[in-house]
Amino acid sequence: MSTWAPSGALAANIEITAISVRCGDVIQIGGQPCRVADLVQLPAGAKRLFFESGEVLTMHARSRLIALRLTRKW
């Protein structure tokens, strides 16, 4: 995972669901920060998350996680 952050970016902890998760979100799993590299829509509102490190996680429609999201400050 890259430690570089664009200038003018703000980091915020937000609650995400399968609907709101985005590529680039950083989710801490087992104490390790994992950045979402790709998403695949699954049946019944679930999504399969592929991380930069190679791990895979399936978020079900009712799953709720805390993620770090970088937002640009204009």
N, C-alpha and C. Protein backbone atom coordinates (compact mmCIF):
# COMPACT_ATOMS: atom_id res chain seq x y z
N MET A 1 0.83 -1.18 0.00
CA MET A 1 0.00 0.00 0.00
C MET A 1 0.87 1.23 0.00
N SER A 2 0.55 2.16 -0.84
CA SER A 2 1.29 3.41 -0.96
C SER A 2 1.00 4.32 0.23
N THR A 3 2.03 5.02 0.71
CA THR A 3 1.84 5.95 1.83
C THR A 3 1.70 7.38 1.35
N TRP A 4 1.79 7.61 0.03
CA TRP A 4 1.70 8.94 -0.52
C TRP A 4 0.25 9.40 -0.54
N ALA A 5 0.03 10.63 -0.14
CA ALA A 5 -1.31 11.23 -0.22
C ALA A 5 -1.20 12.53 -1.00
N PRO A 6 -2.13 12.77 -1.91
CA PRO A 6 -2.07 14.00 -2.70
C PRO A 6 -2.22 15.22 -1.80
N SER A 7 -1.54 16.29 -2.16
CA SER A 7 -1.65 17.50 -1.37
C SER A 7 -3.08 18.03 -1.44
N GLY A 8 -3.53 18.60 -0.34
CA GLY A 8 -4.88 19.11 -0.29
C GLY A 8 -5.91 18.04 0.01
N ALA A 9 -5.48 16.80 0.30
CA ALA A 9 -6.42 15.72 0.58
C ALA A 9 -6.67 15.64 2.08
N LEU A 10 -7.89 15.34 2.44
CA LEU A 10 -8.27 15.13 3.82
C LEU A 10 -8.68 13.68 4.00
N ALA A 11 -8.30 13.08 5.12
CA ALA A 11 -8.69 11.70 5.41
C ALA A 11 -9.81 11.73 6.44
N ALA A 12 -10.82 10.89 6.23
CA ALA A 12 -11.95 10.82 7.15
C ALA A 12 -12.33 9.36 7.36
N ASN A 13 -12.63 9.01 8.61
CA ASN A 13 -13.17 7.69 8.91
C ASN A 13 -14.67 7.74 8.67
N ILE A 14 -15.16 6.82 7.84
CA ILE A 14 -16.58 6.79 7.53
C ILE A 14 -17.09 5.37 7.64
N GLU A 15 -18.37 5.22 7.88
CA GLU A 15 -19.00 3.90 7.86
C GLU A 15 -19.41 3.59 6.43
N ILE A 16 -19.02 2.41 5.96
CA ILE A 16 -19.36 2.03 4.59
C ILE A 16 -20.21 0.76 4.60
N THR A 17 -20.99 0.62 3.54
CA THR A 17 -21.78 -0.58 3.30
C THR A 17 -21.41 -1.08 1.91
N ALA A 18 -22.02 -2.16 1.49
CA ALA A 18 -21.76 -2.68 0.15
C ALA A 18 -22.18 -1.67 -0.92
N ILE A 19 -23.13 -0.82 -0.61
CA ILE A 19 -23.59 0.20 -1.56
C ILE A 19 -22.59 1.35 -1.67
N SER A 20 -21.98 1.75 -0.55
CA SER A 20 -21.16 2.97 -0.55
C SER A 20 -19.66 2.73 -0.67
N VAL A 21 -19.20 1.50 -0.65
CA VAL A 21 -17.75 1.24 -0.74
C VAL A 21 -17.22 1.66 -2.10
N ARG A 22 -15.99 2.21 -2.13
CA ARG A 22 -15.38 2.70 -3.37
C ARG A 22 -13.95 2.16 -3.48
N CYS A 23 -13.47 2.13 -4.71
CA CYS A 23 -12.05 1.83 -4.92
C CYS A 23 -11.25 2.93 -4.24
N GLY A 24 -10.18 2.54 -3.58
CA GLY A 24 -9.34 3.51 -2.87
C GLY A 24 -9.62 3.58 -1.39
N ASP A 25 -10.78 3.09 -0.93
CA ASP A 25 -11.07 3.06 0.50
C ASP A 25 -10.06 2.15 1.19
N VAL A 26 -9.67 2.52 2.41
CA VAL A 26 -8.74 1.71 3.19
C VAL A 26 -9.52 1.13 4.37
N ILE A 27 -9.58 -0.20 4.43
CA ILE A 27 -10.31 -0.91 5.47
C ILE A 27 -9.29 -1.66 6.30
N GLN A 28 -9.39 -1.56 7.62
CA GLN A 28 -8.46 -2.28 8.49
C GLN A 28 -9.04 -3.65 8.81
N ILE A 29 -8.30 -4.69 8.43
CA ILE A 29 -8.74 -6.06 8.64
C ILE A 29 -7.64 -6.79 9.42
N GLY A 30 -7.97 -7.25 10.60
CA GLY A 30 -6.99 -7.94 11.43
C GLY A 30 -5.80 -7.07 11.77
N GLY A 31 -6.01 -5.78 11.91
CA GLY A 31 -4.94 -4.86 12.25
C GLY A 31 -4.11 -4.40 11.07
N GLN A 32 -4.40 -4.90 9.87
CA GLN A 32 -3.67 -4.53 8.66
C GLN A 32 -4.54 -3.62 7.79
N PRO A 33 -4.03 -2.45 7.41
CA PRO A 33 -4.80 -1.60 6.49
C PRO A 33 -4.75 -2.19 5.08
N CYS A 34 -5.91 -2.32 4.46
CA CYS A 34 -6.00 -2.87 3.11
C CYS A 34 -6.75 -1.88 2.22
N ARG A 35 -6.13 -1.51 1.09
CA ARG A 35 -6.75 -0.56 0.17
C ARG A 35 -7.51 -1.32 -0.92
N VAL A 36 -8.77 -0.93 -1.14
CA VAL A 36 -9.62 -1.57 -2.15
C VAL A 36 -9.11 -1.20 -3.54
N ALA A 37 -8.78 -2.23 -4.34
CA ALA A 37 -8.27 -2.01 -5.68
C ALA A 37 -9.35 -2.21 -6.74
N ASP A 38 -10.31 -3.13 -6.47
CA ASP A 38 -11.35 -3.43 -7.46
C ASP A 38 -12.58 -3.95 -6.74
N LEU A 39 -13.74 -3.81 -7.37
CA LEU A 39 -15.02 -4.25 -6.81
C LEU A 39 -15.77 -5.06 -7.86
N VAL A 40 -16.50 -6.07 -7.39
CA VAL A 40 -17.37 -6.85 -8.29
C VAL A 40 -18.73 -6.96 -7.62
N GLN A 41 -19.78 -6.59 -8.35
CA GLN A 41 -21.15 -6.71 -7.85
C GLN A 41 -21.57 -8.17 -7.84
N LEU A 42 -22.17 -8.62 -6.74
CA LEU A 42 -22.67 -9.99 -6.60
C LEU A 42 -24.18 -9.94 -6.41
N PRO A 43 -24.84 -11.09 -6.52
CA PRO A 43 -26.30 -11.12 -6.30
C PRO A 43 -26.67 -10.69 -4.88
N ALA A 44 -27.90 -10.27 -4.72
CA ALA A 44 -28.49 -9.89 -3.42
C ALA A 44 -27.80 -8.70 -2.78
N GLY A 45 -27.22 -7.81 -3.57
CA GLY A 45 -26.64 -6.57 -3.04
C GLY A 45 -25.26 -6.72 -2.44
N ALA A 46 -24.63 -7.87 -2.57
CA ALA A 46 -23.29 -8.07 -2.02
C ALA A 46 -22.24 -7.58 -3.01
N LYS A 47 -21.02 -7.33 -2.50
CA LYS A 47 -19.90 -6.95 -3.36
C LYS A 47 -18.66 -7.72 -2.91
N ARG A 48 -17.86 -8.10 -3.88
CA ARG A 48 -16.57 -8.73 -3.59
C ARG A 48 -15.50 -7.67 -3.77
N LEU A 49 -14.72 -7.46 -2.70
CA LEU A 49 -13.67 -6.45 -2.70
C LEU A 49 -12.32 -7.12 -2.93
N PHE A 50 -11.55 -6.60 -3.85
CA PHE A 50 -10.20 -7.08 -4.12
C PHE A 50 -9.24 -6.00 -3.63
N PHE A 51 -8.31 -6.38 -2.78
CA PHE A 51 -7.37 -5.42 -2.20
C PHE A 51 -6.05 -5.43 -2.97
N GLU A 52 -5.30 -4.34 -2.87
CA GLU A 52 -4.01 -4.22 -3.54
C GLU A 52 -3.05 -5.33 -3.13
N SER A 53 -3.17 -5.82 -1.91
CA SER A 53 -2.26 -6.84 -1.39
C SER A 53 -2.64 -8.25 -1.84
N GLY A 54 -3.77 -8.41 -2.54
CA GLY A 54 -4.17 -9.71 -3.05
C GLY A 54 -5.29 -10.38 -2.28
N GLU A 55 -5.62 -9.89 -1.09
CA GLU A 55 -6.71 -10.46 -0.32
C GLU A 55 -8.05 -10.14 -0.97
N VAL A 56 -9.06 -10.94 -0.63
CA VAL A 56 -10.41 -10.77 -1.16
C VAL A 56 -11.38 -10.80 0.02
N LEU A 57 -12.37 -9.93 0.01
CA LEU A 57 -13.39 -9.88 1.06
C LEU A 57 -14.75 -9.73 0.40
N THR A 58 -15.73 -10.48 0.87
CA THR A 58 -17.10 -10.33 0.38
C THR A 58 -17.90 -9.56 1.41
N MET A 59 -18.45 -8.43 0.99
CA MET A 59 -19.35 -7.64 1.85
C MET A 59 -20.78 -7.99 1.46
N HIS A 60 -21.55 -8.44 2.42
CA HIS A 60 -22.95 -8.74 2.18
C HIS A 60 -23.75 -7.44 2.26
N ALA A 61 -24.97 -7.47 1.84
CA ALA A 61 -25.80 -6.27 1.78
C ALA A 61 -25.93 -5.58 3.15
N ARG A 62 -25.89 -6.34 4.22
CA ARG A 62 -26.05 -5.75 5.56
C ARG A 62 -24.74 -5.51 6.28
N SER A 63 -23.61 -5.79 5.66
CA SER A 63 -22.30 -5.56 6.28
C SER A 63 -22.05 -4.07 6.45
N ARG A 64 -21.47 -3.71 7.59
CA ARG A 64 -21.07 -2.32 7.86
C ARG A 64 -19.65 -2.34 8.39
N LEU A 65 -18.79 -1.56 7.77
CA LEU A 65 -17.39 -1.47 8.16
C LEU A 65 -16.98 0.00 8.26
N ILE A 66 -15.88 0.24 8.96
CA ILE A 66 -15.31 1.58 9.04
C ILE A 66 -14.14 1.63 8.07
N ALA A 67 -14.09 2.67 7.24
CA ALA A 67 -13.02 2.81 6.27
C ALA A 67 -12.43 4.22 6.35
N LEU A 68 -11.19 4.32 5.92
CA LEU A 68 -10.54 5.61 5.79
C LEU A 68 -10.67 6.01 4.33
N ARG A 69 -11.22 7.18 4.09
CA ARG A 69 -11.42 7.64 2.72
C ARG A 69 -10.74 9.00 2.56
N LEU A 70 -9.96 9.13 1.50
CA LEU A 70 -9.32 10.41 1.20
C LEU A 70 -10.28 11.24 0.36
N THR A 71 -10.48 12.47 0.77
CA THR A 71 -11.33 13.40 0.02
C THR A 71 -10.49 14.61 -0.34
N ARG A 72 -10.72 15.12 -1.50
CA ARG A 72 -9.97 16.31 -1.94
C ARG A 72 -10.59 17.58 -1.34
N LYS A 73 -9.75 18.45 -0.91
CA LYS A 73 -10.20 19.76 -0.41
C LYS A 73 -9.98 20.77 -1.52
N TRP A 74 -11.03 21.38 -2.01
CA TRP A 74 -10.91 22.33 -3.11
C TRP A 74 -10.90 23.71 -2.59
